Amino acid sequence: MKTSAIAALTGLIALAGCASWERPYVSDEGACDEIVDQRARLDCVAAAEQAEDDWREEKRREEDWKDKAD
């Protein structure tokens, strides 16, 4: 009982940490797996990776702006 309670608490903490990242959760595994055409699937994966790269760049710019403001 104690081990399962600790495991559940650890899982909840991990989920809370992921939710606080405010990251665009674009998963190439779930949405792109349904696409049968290989070229379209590669385009889907590339779009997901580009969206994540754009998000990271935006967050880096925000951090730079905050550093300059301070």
Protein backbone atom coordinates (compact mmCIF):
# COMPACT_ATOMS: atom_id res chain seq x y z
CA MET A 1 0.00 0.00 0.00
CA LYS A 2 2.77 2.42 0.93
CA THR A 3 4.76 1.69 -2.25
CA SER A 4 1.77 2.22 -4.53
CA ALA A 5 0.95 5.49 -2.77
CA ILE A 6 4.54 6.69 -3.27
CA ALA A 7 4.46 5.63 -6.93
CA ALA A 8 1.17 7.44 -7.49
CA LEU A 9 2.48 10.59 -5.81
CA THR A 10 5.65 10.48 -7.92
CA GLY A 11 3.55 10.15 -11.07
CA LEU A 12 1.38 13.10 -10.10
CA ILE A 13 4.43 15.26 -9.41
CA ALA A 14 5.89 14.33 -12.79
CA LEU A 15 2.61 15.21 -14.54
CA ALA A 16 2.42 18.52 -12.71
CA GLY A 17 5.97 19.32 -13.79
CA CYS A 18 5.18 18.57 -17.43
CA ALA A 19 2.05 20.69 -17.33
CA SER A 20 3.95 23.65 -15.93
CA TRP A 21 6.38 23.70 -18.86
CA GLU A 22 3.63 25.17 -21.05
CA ARG A 23 5.09 23.23 -23.91
CA PRO A 24 3.11 22.62 -27.09
CA TYR A 25 2.50 18.92 -26.87
CA VAL A 26 2.80 17.96 -30.52
CA SER A 27 3.49 14.29 -30.61
CA ASP A 28 4.72 12.71 -33.79
CA GLU A 29 3.88 9.30 -32.38
CA GLY A 30 0.13 9.63 -31.95
CA ALA A 31 -1.11 11.87 -34.72
CA CYS A 32 1.42 10.93 -37.38
CA ASP A 33 1.07 7.16 -36.91
CA GLU A 34 -2.42 7.23 -38.40
CA ILE A 35 -1.08 8.57 -41.71
CA VAL A 36 -0.56 5.74 -44.19
CA ASP A 37 1.37 7.64 -46.88
CA GLN A 38 5.06 7.63 -45.93
CA ARG A 39 5.79 11.03 -47.46
CA ALA A 40 2.85 12.60 -45.64
CA ARG A 41 3.96 10.94 -42.39
CA LEU A 42 7.47 12.38 -42.78
CA ASP A 43 5.93 15.81 -43.45
CA CYS A 44 3.85 15.44 -40.28
CA VAL A 45 6.91 14.54 -38.20
CA ALA A 46 8.89 17.43 -39.70
CA ALA A 47 6.05 19.85 -38.92
CA ALA A 48 5.92 18.61 -35.31
CA GLU A 49 9.67 19.03 -34.92
CA GLN A 50 9.52 22.52 -36.45
CA ALA A 51 6.72 23.52 -34.08
CA GLU A 52 8.81 22.40 -31.12
CA ASP A 53 11.90 24.21 -32.44
CA ASP A 54 9.86 27.39 -32.91
CA TRP A 55 8.50 27.08 -29.40
CA ARG A 56 11.99 26.65 -27.94
CA GLU A 57 13.25 29.69 -29.86
CA GLU A 58 10.33 31.77 -28.60
CA LYS A 59 11.01 30.72 -25.00
CA ARG A 60 14.72 31.57 -25.45
CA ARG A 61 13.80 35.04 -26.75
CA GLU A 62 11.44 35.58 -23.81
CA GLU A 63 14.21 34.63 -21.38
CA ASP A 64 16.64 36.98 -23.13
CA TRP A 65 14.08 39.77 -22.98
CA LYS A 66 13.49 39.16 -19.27
CA ASP A 67 17.25 39.19 -18.62
CA LYS A 68 17.62 42.50 -20.47
CA ALA A 69 14.69 43.99 -18.56
CA ASP A 70 16.32 43.14 -15.22
